[in-house]
């Protein structure tokens, strides 16, 4: 029972920490989001997408960004979070 409580609390804390750094944060108005912010936003894109369906305060992509570096970080983070495309390009062996 203690293990279950620990797991639930850990997931809750991880969820709250990841959402607190979501795109649309006020801190990016002074200094635009860069590569590492884009990487983080790409990693949590699934979570922010689900939350963004229910609220207007959280968006999936930071509009106040530094340009290409943020885009590259977001793309890499999203590829990691969504599984990339490594398996799709591998040839399948036919067994006849």
PDB file of N, CA and C in Angstrom:
ATOM      1  N   UNK A   1       0.822  -1.194   0.000  1.00  0.00           N
ATOM      2  CA  UNK A   1       0.000   0.000   0.000  1.00  0.00           C
ATOM      3  C   UNK A   1       0.866   1.258   0.000  1.00  0.00           C
ATOM      4  N   UNK A   2       1.978   1.249   0.716  1.00  0.00           N
ATOM      5  CA  UNK A   2       2.867   2.408   0.746  1.00  0.00           C
ATOM      6  C   UNK A   2       3.483   2.666  -0.620  1.00  0.00           C
ATOM      7  N   UNK A   3       3.789   1.605  -1.338  1.00  0.00           N
ATOM      8  CA  UNK A   3       4.397   1.751  -2.656  1.00  0.00           C
ATOM      9  C   UNK A   3       3.415   2.414  -3.617  1.00  0.00           C
ATOM     10  N   UNK A   4       2.166   2.012  -3.542  1.00  0.00           N
ATOM     11  CA  UNK A   4       1.147   2.591  -4.411  1.00  0.00           C
ATOM     12  C   UNK A   4       0.986   4.089  -4.128  1.00  0.00           C
ATOM     13  N   UNK A   5       0.960   4.466  -2.866  1.00  0.00           N
ATOM     14  CA  UNK A   5       0.841   5.877  -2.492  1.00  0.00           C
ATOM     15  C   UNK A   5       2.049   6.663  -2.989  1.00  0.00           C
ATOM     16  N   UNK A   6       3.232   6.088  -2.854  1.00  0.00           N
ATOM     17  CA  UNK A   6       4.451   6.741  -3.330  1.00  0.00           C
ATOM     18  C   UNK A   6       4.414   6.948  -4.833  1.00  0.00           C
ATOM     19  N   UNK A   7       3.963   5.964  -5.568  1.00  0.00           N
ATOM     20  CA  UNK A   7       3.897   6.065  -7.025  1.00  0.00           C
ATOM     21  C   UNK A   7       2.895   7.144  -7.441  1.00  0.00           C
ATOM     22  N   UNK A   8       1.734   7.157  -6.800  1.00  0.00           N
ATOM     23  CA  UNK A   8       0.715   8.153  -7.135  1.00  0.00           C
ATOM     24  C   UNK A   8       1.221   9.562  -6.843  1.00  0.00           C
ATOM     25  N   UNK A   9       1.852   9.753  -5.697  1.00  0.00           N
ATOM     26  CA  UNK A   9       2.393  11.062  -5.355  1.00  0.00           C
ATOM     27  C   UNK A   9       3.520  11.470  -6.295  1.00  0.00           C
ATOM     28  N   UNK A  10       4.357  10.530  -6.679  1.00  0.00           N
ATOM     29  CA  UNK A  10       5.452  10.818  -7.604  1.00  0.00           C
ATOM     30  C   UNK A  10       4.921  11.248  -8.968  1.00  0.00           C
ATOM     31  N   UNK A  11       3.921  10.557  -9.464  1.00  0.00           N
ATOM     32  CA  UNK A  11       3.322  10.917 -10.752  1.00  0.00           C
ATOM     33  C   UNK A  11       2.670  12.294 -10.671  1.00  0.00           C
ATOM     34  N   UNK A  12       2.001  12.581  -9.578  1.00  0.00           N
ATOM     35  CA  UNK A  12       1.358  13.874  -9.396  1.00  0.00           C
ATOM     36  C   UNK A  12       2.389  15.006  -9.370  1.00  0.00           C
ATOM     37  N   UNK A  13       3.479  14.815  -8.640  1.00  0.00           N
ATOM     38  CA  UNK A  13       4.537  15.825  -8.581  1.00  0.00           C
ATOM     39  C   UNK A  13       5.178  16.007  -9.952  1.00  0.00           C
ATOM     40  N   UNK A  14       5.460  14.917 -10.649  1.00  0.00           N
ATOM     41  CA  UNK A  14       6.045  14.999 -11.992  1.00  0.00           C
ATOM     42  C   UNK A  14       5.109  15.739 -12.941  1.00  0.00           C
ATOM     43  N   UNK A  15       3.834  15.476 -12.848  1.00  0.00           N
ATOM     44  CA  UNK A  15       2.851  16.151 -13.685  1.00  0.00           C
ATOM     45  C   UNK A  15       2.827  17.649 -13.405  1.00  0.00           C
ATOM     46  N   UNK A  16       2.807  18.030 -12.151  1.00  0.00           N
ATOM     47  CA  UNK A  16       2.762  19.443 -11.789  1.00  0.00           C
ATOM     48  C   UNK A  16       4.041  20.176 -12.194  1.00  0.00           C
ATOM     49  N   UNK A  17       5.182  19.518 -12.051  1.00  0.00           N
ATOM     50  CA  UNK A  17       6.453  20.138 -12.442  1.00  0.00           C
ATOM     51  C   UNK A  17       6.509  20.332 -13.955  1.00  0.00           C
ATOM     52  N   UNK A  18       6.053  19.340 -14.703  1.00  0.00           N
ATOM     53  CA  UNK A  18       6.107  19.458 -16.161  1.00  0.00           C
ATOM     54  C   UNK A  18       5.148  20.516 -16.681  1.00  0.00           C
ATOM     55  N   UNK A  19       4.001  20.673 -16.046  1.00  0.00           N
ATOM     56  CA  UNK A  19       3.038  21.675 -16.496  1.00  0.00           C
ATOM     57  C   UNK A  19       3.486  23.080 -16.108  1.00  0.00           C
ATOM     58  N   UNK A  20       4.219  23.206 -15.019  1.00  0.00           N
ATOM     59  CA  UNK A  20       4.660  24.538 -14.598  1.00  0.00           C
ATOM     60  C   UNK A  20       5.644  25.157 -15.587  1.00  0.00           C
ATOM     61  N   UNK A  21       6.273  24.357 -16.405  1.00  0.00           N
ATOM     62  CA  UNK A  21       7.219  24.855 -17.405  1.00  0.00           C
ATOM     63  C   UNK A  21       6.620  24.805 -18.806  1.00  0.00           C
ATOM     64  N   UNK A  22       5.317  24.780 -18.909  1.00  0.00           N
ATOM     65  CA  UNK A  22       4.642  24.649 -20.194  1.00  0.00           C
ATOM     66  C   UNK A  22       4.740  25.938 -21.007  1.00  0.00           C
ATOM     67  N   UNK A  23       4.586  25.834 -22.312  1.00  0.00           N
ATOM     68  CA  UNK A  23       4.579  27.025 -23.162  1.00  0.00           C
ATOM     69  C   UNK A  23       3.445  27.972 -22.782  1.00  0.00           C
ATOM     70  N   UNK A  24       3.624  29.243 -23.072  1.00  0.00           N
ATOM     71  CA  UNK A  24       2.634  30.243 -22.726  1.00  0.00           C
ATOM     72  C   UNK A  24       2.910  30.887 -21.383  1.00  0.00           C
ATOM     73  N   UNK A  25       4.062  30.582 -20.795  1.00  0.00           N
ATOM     74  CA  UNK A  25       4.444  31.134 -19.507  1.00  0.00           C
ATOM     75  C   UNK A  25       4.830  32.599 -19.666  1.00  0.00           C
ATOM     76  N   UNK A  26       4.556  33.404 -18.652  1.00  0.00           N
ATOM     77  CA  UNK A  26       4.838  34.847 -18.703  1.00  0.00           C
ATOM     78  C   UNK A  26       6.334  35.123 -18.791  1.00  0.00           C
ATOM     79  N   UNK A  27       7.171  34.228 -18.290  1.00  0.00           N
ATOM     80  CA  UNK A  27       8.612  34.494 -18.266  1.00  0.00           C
ATOM     81  C   UNK A  27       9.225  34.598 -19.655  1.00  0.00           C
ATOM     82  N   UNK A  28       8.565  34.071 -20.670  1.00  0.00           N
ATOM     83  CA  UNK A  28       9.121  34.135 -22.014  1.00  0.00           C
ATOM     84  C   UNK A  28       8.796  35.445 -22.724  1.00  0.00           C
ATOM     85  N   UNK A  29       8.052  36.336 -22.097  1.00  0.00           N
ATOM     86  CA  UNK A  29       7.772  37.631 -22.719  1.00  0.00           C
ATOM     87  C   UNK A  29       8.997  38.539 -22.643  1.00  0.00           C
ATOM     88  N   UNK A  30       9.791  38.438 -21.568  1.00  0.00           N
ATOM     89  CA  UNK A  30      10.993  39.260 -21.425  1.00  0.00           C
ATOM     90  C   UNK A  30      12.152  38.706 -22.239  1.00  0.00           C
ATOM     91  N   UNK A  31      12.383  37.413 -22.116  1.00  0.00           N
ATOM     92  CA  UNK A  31      13.459  36.744 -22.850  1.00  0.00           C
ATOM     93  C   UNK A  31      12.839  35.589 -23.638  1.00  0.00           C
ATOM     94  N   UNK A  32      12.980  35.583 -24.956  1.00  0.00           N
ATOM     95  CA  UNK A  32      12.350  34.535 -25.767  1.00  0.00           C
ATOM     96  C   UNK A  32      12.884  33.140 -25.428  1.00  0.00           C
ATOM     97  N   UNK A  33      12.054  32.152 -25.642  1.00  0.00           N
ATOM     98  CA  UNK A  33      12.439  30.757 -25.401  1.00  0.00           C
ATOM     99  C   UNK A  33      13.475  30.327 -26.428  1.00  0.00           C
ATOM    100  N   UNK A  34      14.484  29.591 -25.979  1.00  0.00           N
ATOM    101  CA  UNK A  34      15.561  29.135 -26.848  1.00  0.00           C
ATOM    102  C   UNK A  34      15.513  27.644 -27.102  1.00  0.00           C
ATOM    103  N   UNK A  35      16.665  27.083 -27.424  1.00  0.00           N
ATOM    104  CA  UNK A  35      16.757  25.668 -27.797  1.00  0.00           C
ATOM    105  C   UNK A  35      16.297  24.742 -26.678  1.00  0.00           C
ATOM    106  N   UNK A  36      16.805  24.942 -25.465  1.00  0.00           N
ATOM    107  CA  UNK A  36      16.489  24.020 -24.377  1.00  0.00           C
ATOM    108  C   UNK A  36      15.041  24.128 -23.935  1.00  0.00           C
ATOM    109  N   UNK A  37      14.469  25.326 -24.003  1.00  0.00           N
ATOM    110  CA  UNK A  37      13.034  25.461 -23.723  1.00  0.00           C
ATOM    111  C   UNK A  37      12.230  24.739 -24.797  1.00  0.00           C
ATOM    112  N   UNK A  38      12.662  24.835 -26.041  1.00  0.00           N
ATOM    113  CA  UNK A  38      11.996  24.119 -27.125  1.00  0.00           C
ATOM    114  C   UNK A  38      12.092  22.619 -26.959  1.00  0.00           C
ATOM    115  N   UNK A  39      13.261  22.152 -26.527  1.00  0.00           N
ATOM    116  CA  UNK A  39      13.436  20.723 -26.277  1.00  0.00           C
ATOM    117  C   UNK A  39      12.481  20.256 -25.181  1.00  0.00           C
ATOM    118  N   UNK A  40      12.396  21.022 -24.097  1.00  0.00           N
ATOM    119  CA  UNK A  40      11.496  20.662 -23.003  1.00  0.00           C
ATOM    120  C   UNK A  40      10.038  20.702 -23.457  1.00  0.00           C
ATOM    121  N   UNK A  41       9.669  21.729 -24.201  1.00  0.00           N
ATOM    122  CA  UNK A  41       8.288  21.836 -24.666  1.00  0.00           C
ATOM    123  C   UNK A  41       7.945  20.711 -25.636  1.00  0.00           C
ATOM    124  N   UNK A  42       8.909  20.261 -26.401  1.00  0.00           N
ATOM    125  CA  UNK A  42       8.685  19.115 -27.277  1.00  0.00           C
ATOM    126  C   UNK A  42       8.508  17.827 -26.488  1.00  0.00           C
ATOM    127  N   UNK A  43       9.278  17.694 -25.409  1.00  0.00           N
ATOM    128  CA  UNK A  43       9.161  16.479 -24.580  1.00  0.00           C
ATOM    129  C   UNK A  43       7.811  16.383 -23.883  1.00  0.00           C
ATOM    130  N   UNK A  44       7.249  17.521 -23.498  1.00  0.00           N
ATOM    131  CA  UNK A  44       5.970  17.495 -22.786  1.00  0.00           C
ATOM    132  C   UNK A  44       4.805  17.856 -23.699  1.00  0.00           C
ATOM    133  N   UNK A  45       4.994  17.740 -25.017  1.00  0.00           N
ATOM    134  CA  UNK A  45       3.957  18.167 -25.960  1.00  0.00           C
ATOM    135  C   UNK A  45       2.658  17.381 -25.812  1.00  0.00           C
ATOM    136  N   UNK A  46       2.726  16.125 -25.476  1.00  0.00           N
ATOM    137  CA  UNK A  46       1.507  15.330 -25.314  1.00  0.00           C
ATOM    138  C   UNK A  46       0.705  15.825 -24.109  1.00  0.00           C
ATOM    139  N   UNK A  47       1.396  16.091 -23.017  1.00  0.00           N
ATOM    140  CA  UNK A  47       0.734  16.574 -21.805  1.00  0.00           C
ATOM    141  C   UNK A  47       0.114  17.944 -22.054  1.00  0.00           C
ATOM    142  N   UNK A  48       0.871  18.846 -22.671  1.00  0.00           N
ATOM    143  CA  UNK A  48       0.347  20.192 -22.902  1.00  0.00           C
ATOM    144  C   UNK A  48      -0.780  20.192 -23.926  1.00  0.00           C
ATOM    145  N   UNK A  49      -0.763  19.261 -24.859  1.00  0.00           N
ATOM    146  CA  UNK A  49      -1.859  19.161 -25.814  1.00  0.00           C
ATOM    147  C   UNK A  49      -3.156  18.771 -25.102  1.00  0.00           C
ATOM    148  N   UNK A  50      -3.078  17.787 -24.234  1.00  0.00           N
ATOM    149  CA  UNK A  50      -4.275  17.338 -23.507  1.00  0.00           C
ATOM    150  C   UNK A  50      -4.795  18.446 -22.604  1.00  0.00           C
ATOM    151  N   UNK A  51      -3.910  19.118 -21.887  1.00  0.00           N
ATOM    152  CA  UNK A  51      -4.343  20.204 -21.007  1.00  0.00           C
ATOM    153  C   UNK A  51      -4.880  21.375 -21.831  1.00  0.00           C
ATOM    154  N   UNK A  52      -4.268  21.645 -22.977  1.00  0.00           N
ATOM    155  CA  UNK A  52      -4.698  22.727 -23.842  1.00  0.00           C
ATOM    156  C   UNK A  52      -6.092  22.537 -24.413  1.00  0.00           C
ATOM    157  N   UNK A  53      -6.569  21.297 -24.451  1.00  0.00           N
ATOM    158  CA  UNK A  53      -7.927  21.046 -24.906  1.00  0.00           C
ATOM    159  C   UNK A  53      -8.961  21.614 -23.941  1.00  0.00           C
ATOM    160  N   UNK A  54      -8.598  21.714 -22.658  1.00  0.00           N
ATOM    161  CA  UNK A  54      -9.543  22.126 -21.624  1.00  0.00           C
ATOM    162  C   UNK A  54      -9.330  23.544 -21.112  1.00  0.00           C
ATOM    163  N   UNK A  55      -8.217  24.174 -21.455  1.00  0.00           N
ATOM    164  CA  UNK A  55      -7.942  25.525 -20.975  1.00  0.00           C
ATOM    165  C   UNK A  55      -7.222  26.346 -22.043  1.00  0.00           C
ATOM    166  N   UNK A  56      -7.398  27.644 -21.978  1.00  0.00           N
ATOM    167  CA  UNK A  56      -6.710  28.540 -22.914  1.00  0.00           C
ATOM    168  C   UNK A  56      -5.390  29.051 -22.353  1.00  0.00           C
ATOM    169  N   UNK A  57      -5.073  28.729 -21.107  1.00  0.00           N
ATOM    170  CA  UNK A  57      -3.864  29.238 -20.462  1.00  0.00           C
ATOM    171  C   UNK A  57      -2.616  28.439 -20.829  1.00  0.00           C
ATOM    172  N   UNK A  58      -2.785  27.230 -21.307  1.00  0.00           N
ATOM    173  CA  UNK A  58      -1.651  26.371 -21.662  1.00  0.00           C
ATOM    174  C   UNK A  58      -1.717  26.096 -23.159  1.00  0.00           C
ATOM    175  N   UNK A  59      -0.607  26.363 -23.830  1.00  0.00           N
ATOM    176  CA  UNK A  59      -0.540  26.067 -25.266  1.00  0.00           C
ATOM    177  C   UNK A  59       0.553  25.043 -25.513  1.00  0.00           C
ATOM    178  N   UNK A  60       0.549  24.470 -26.676  1.00  0.00           N
ATOM    179  CA  UNK A  60       1.510  23.421 -26.982  1.00  0.00           C
ATOM    180  C   UNK A  60       2.843  23.989 -27.470  1.00  0.00           C
ATOM    181  N   UNK A  61       2.822  25.188 -28.007  1.00  0.00           N
ATOM    182  CA  UNK A  61       3.997  25.784 -28.652  1.00  0.00           C
ATOM    183  C   UNK A  61       4.162  27.213 -28.149  1.00  0.00           C
ATOM    184  N   UNK A  62       5.376  27.596 -27.818  1.00  0.00           N
ATOM    185  CA  UNK A  62       5.648  28.949 -27.317  1.00  0.00           C
ATOM    186  C   UNK A  62       5.806  29.906 -28.501  1.00  0.00           C
ATOM    187  N   UNK A  63       4.938  30.908 -28.571  1.00  0.00           N
ATOM    188  CA  UNK A  63       5.010  31.850 -29.685  1.00  0.00           C
ATOM    189  C   UNK A  63       6.116  32.883 -29.497  1.00  0.00           C
ATOM    190  N   UNK A  64       6.511  33.147 -28.260  1.00  0.00           N
ATOM    191  CA  UNK A  64       7.626  34.075 -27.987  1.00  0.00           C
ATOM    192  C   UNK A  64       8.918  33.277 -27.935  1.00  0.00           C
ATOM    193  N   UNK A  65       9.436  32.893 -29.101  1.00  0.00           N
ATOM    194  CA  UNK A  65      10.637  32.060 -29.134  1.00  0.00           C
ATOM    195  C   UNK A  65      11.727  32.736 -29.935  1.00  0.00           C
ATOM    196  N   UNK A  66      12.923  32.127 -29.898  1.00  0.00           N
ATOM    197  CA  UNK A  66      14.084  32.722 -30.554  1.00  0.00           C
ATOM    198  C   UNK A  66      14.199  32.322 -32.024  1.00  0.00           C
ATOM    199  N   UNK A  67      13.236  31.602 -32.551  1.00  0.00           N
ATOM    200  CA  UNK A  67      13.254  31.253 -33.967  1.00  0.00           C
ATOM    201  C   UNK A  67      13.674  29.831 -34.234  1.00  0.00           C
ATOM    202  N   UNK A  68      14.648  29.671 -35.109  1.00  0.00           N
ATOM    203  CA  UNK A  68      15.043  28.348 -35.587  1.00  0.00           C
ATOM    204  C   UNK A  68      15.579  27.443 -34.489  1.00  0.00           C
ATOM    205  N   UNK A  69      16.285  27.991 -33.515  1.00  0.00           N
ATOM    206  CA  UNK A  69      16.825  27.159 -32.441  1.00  0.00           C
ATOM    207  C   UNK A  69      15.706  26.574 -31.580  1.00  0.00           C
ATOM    208  N   UNK A  70      14.687  27.380 -31.299  1.00  0.00           N
ATOM    209  CA  UNK A  70      13.537  26.861 -30.552  1.00  0.00           C
ATOM    210  C   UNK A  70      12.828  25.785 -31.368  1.00  0.00           C
ATOM    211  N   UNK A  71      12.652  26.038 -32.656  1.00  0.00           N
ATOM    212  CA  UNK A  71      11.985  25.071 -33.529  1.00  0.00           C
ATOM    213  C   UNK A  71      12.733  23.744 -33.570  1.00  0.00           C
ATOM    214  N   UNK A  72      14.063  23.809 -33.664  1.00  0.00           N
ATOM    215  CA  UNK A  72      14.868  22.588 -33.677  1.00  0.00           C
ATOM    216  C   UNK A  72      14.729  21.831 -32.359  1.00  0.00           C
ATOM    217  N   UNK A  73      14.797  22.540 -31.240  1.00  0.00           N
ATOM    218  CA  UNK A  73      14.633  21.899 -29.943  1.00  0.00           C
ATOM    219  C   UNK A  73      13.260  21.278 -29.794  1.00  0.00           C
ATOM    220  N   UNK A  74      12.214  21.984 -30.235  1.00  0.00           N
ATOM    221  CA  UNK A  74      10.858  21.447 -30.150  1.00  0.00           C
ATOM    222  C   UNK A  74      10.722  20.204 -31.010  1.00  0.00           C
ATOM    223  N   UNK A  75      11.276  20.236 -32.201  1.00  0.00           N
ATOM    224  CA  UNK A  75      11.201  19.090 -33.104  1.00  0.00           C
ATOM    225  C   UNK A  75      11.909  17.870 -32.518  1.00  0.00           C
ATOM    226  N   UNK A  76      13.104  18.071 -31.969  1.00  0.00           N
ATOM    227  CA  UNK A  76      13.829  16.955 -31.351  1.00  0.00           C
ATOM    228  C   UNK A  76      13.086  16.412 -30.133  1.00  0.00           C
ATOM    229  N   UNK A  77      12.575  17.305 -29.290  1.00  0.00           N
ATOM    230  CA  UNK A  77      11.828  16.871 -28.110  1.00  0.00           C
ATOM    231  C   UNK A  77      10.573  16.113 -28.480  1.00  0.00           C
ATOM    232  N   UNK A  78       9.844  16.593 -29.477  1.00  0.00           N
ATOM    233  CA  UNK A  78       8.629  15.905 -29.910  1.00  0.00           C
ATOM    234  C   UNK A  78       8.963  14.545 -30.522  1.00  0.00           C
ATOM    235  N   UNK A  79      10.064  14.465 -31.261  1.00  0.00           N
ATOM    236  CA  UNK A  79      10.468  13.183 -31.846  1.00  0.00           C
ATOM    237  C   UNK A  79      10.811  12.177 -30.751  1.00  0.00           C
ATOM    238  N   UNK A  80      11.468  12.640 -29.703  1.00  0.00           N
ATOM    239  CA  UNK A  80      11.801  11.746 -28.586  1.00  0.00           C
ATOM    240  C   UNK A  80      10.532  11.315 -27.869  1.00  0.00           C
ATOM    241  N   UNK A  81       9.641  12.266 -27.604  1.00  0.00           N
ATOM    242  CA  UNK A  81       8.419  11.960 -26.855  1.00  0.00           C
ATOM    243  C   UNK A  81       7.465  11.074 -27.636  1.00  0.00           C
ATOM    244  N   UNK A  82       7.405  11.269 -28.940  1.00  0.00           N
ATOM    245  CA  UNK A  82       6.447  10.522 -29.754  1.00  0.00           C
ATOM    246  C   UNK A  82       7.045   9.283 -30.397  1.00  0.00           C
ATOM    247  N   UNK A  83       8.278   8.975 -30.124  1.00  0.00           N
ATOM    248  CA  UNK A  83       8.870   7.733 -30.597  1.00  0.00           C
ATOM    249  C   UNK A  83       9.749   7.856 -31.819  1.00  0.00           C
ATOM    250  N   UNK A  84       9.859   9.026 -32.392  1.00  0.00           N
ATOM    251  CA  UNK A  84      10.732   9.184 -33.556  1.00  0.00           C
ATOM    252  C   UNK A  84      10.234   8.406 -34.753  1.00  0.00           C
ATOM    253  N   UNK A  85      11.115   8.152 -35.697  1.00  0.00           N
ATOM    254  CA  UNK A  85      10.716   7.413 -36.899  1.00  0.00           C
ATOM    255  C   UNK A  85      11.704   6.315 -37.239  1.00  0.00           C
ATOM    256  N   UNK A  86      12.472   5.869 -36.282  1.00  0.00           N
ATOM    257  CA  UNK A  86      13.492   4.859 -36.536  1.00  0.00           C
ATOM    258  C   UNK A  86      12.942   3.523 -36.979  1.00  0.00           C
ATOM    259  N   UNK A  87      11.845   3.104 -36.384  1.00  0.00           N
ATOM    260  CA  UNK A  87      11.282   1.802 -36.735  1.00  0.00           C
ATOM    261  C   UNK A  87      10.584   1.819 -38.084  1.00  0.00           C
ATOM    262  N   UNK A  88      10.041   2.946 -38.457  1.00  0.00           N
ATOM    263  CA  UNK A  88       9.302   3.028 -39.713  1.00  0.00           C
ATOM    264  C   UNK A  88      10.179   2.883 -40.940  1.00  0.00           C
ATOM    265  N   UNK A  89      11.448   3.206 -40.827  1.00  0.00           N
ATOM    266  CA  UNK A  89      12.325   3.151 -41.988  1.00  0.00           C
ATOM    267  C   UNK A  89      13.036   1.805 -42.129  1.00  0.00           C
ATOM    268  N   UNK A  90      12.898   0.949 -41.148  1.00  0.00           N
ATOM    269  CA  UNK A  90      13.576  -0.345 -41.199  1.00  0.00           C
ATOM    270  C   UNK A  90      12.787  -1.319 -42.086  1.00  0.00           C
ATOM    271  N   UNK A  91      13.488  -2.040 -42.908  1.00  0.00           N
ATOM    272  CA  UNK A  91      12.831  -3.028 -43.781  1.00  0.00           C
ATOM    273  C   UNK A  91      12.377  -4.229 -42.980  1.00  0.00           C
ATOM    274  N   UNK A  92      11.224  -4.721 -43.345  1.00  0.00           N
ATOM    275  CA  UNK A  92      10.710  -5.911 -42.692  1.00  0.00           C
ATOM    276  C   UNK A  92      11.132  -7.135 -43.506  1.00  0.00           C
ATOM    277  N   UNK A  93      11.477  -8.177 -42.793  1.00  0.00           N
ATOM    278  CA  UNK A  93      11.863  -9.411 -43.473  1.00  0.00           C
ATOM    279  C   UNK A  93      10.604 -10.211 -43.807  1.00  0.00           C
ATOM    280  N   UNK A  94      10.556 -10.686 -45.023  1.00  0.00           N
ATOM    281  CA  UNK A  94       9.427 -11.514 -45.426  1.00  0.00           C
ATOM    282  C   UNK A  94       9.743 -12.966 -45.142  1.00  0.00           C
ATOM    283  N   UNK A  95       8.819 -13.601 -44.501  1.00  0.00           N
ATOM    284  CA  UNK A  95       8.970 -15.030 -44.218  1.00  0.00           C
ATOM    285  C   UNK A  95       7.971 -15.777 -45.099  1.00  0.00           C
ATOM    286  N   UNK A  96       8.488 -16.552 -46.033  1.00  0.00           N
ATOM    287  CA  UNK A  96       7.603 -17.281 -46.951  1.00  0.00           C
ATOM    288  C   UNK A  96       7.771 -18.755 -46.786  1.00  0.00           C
TER     289      UNK A  96
END
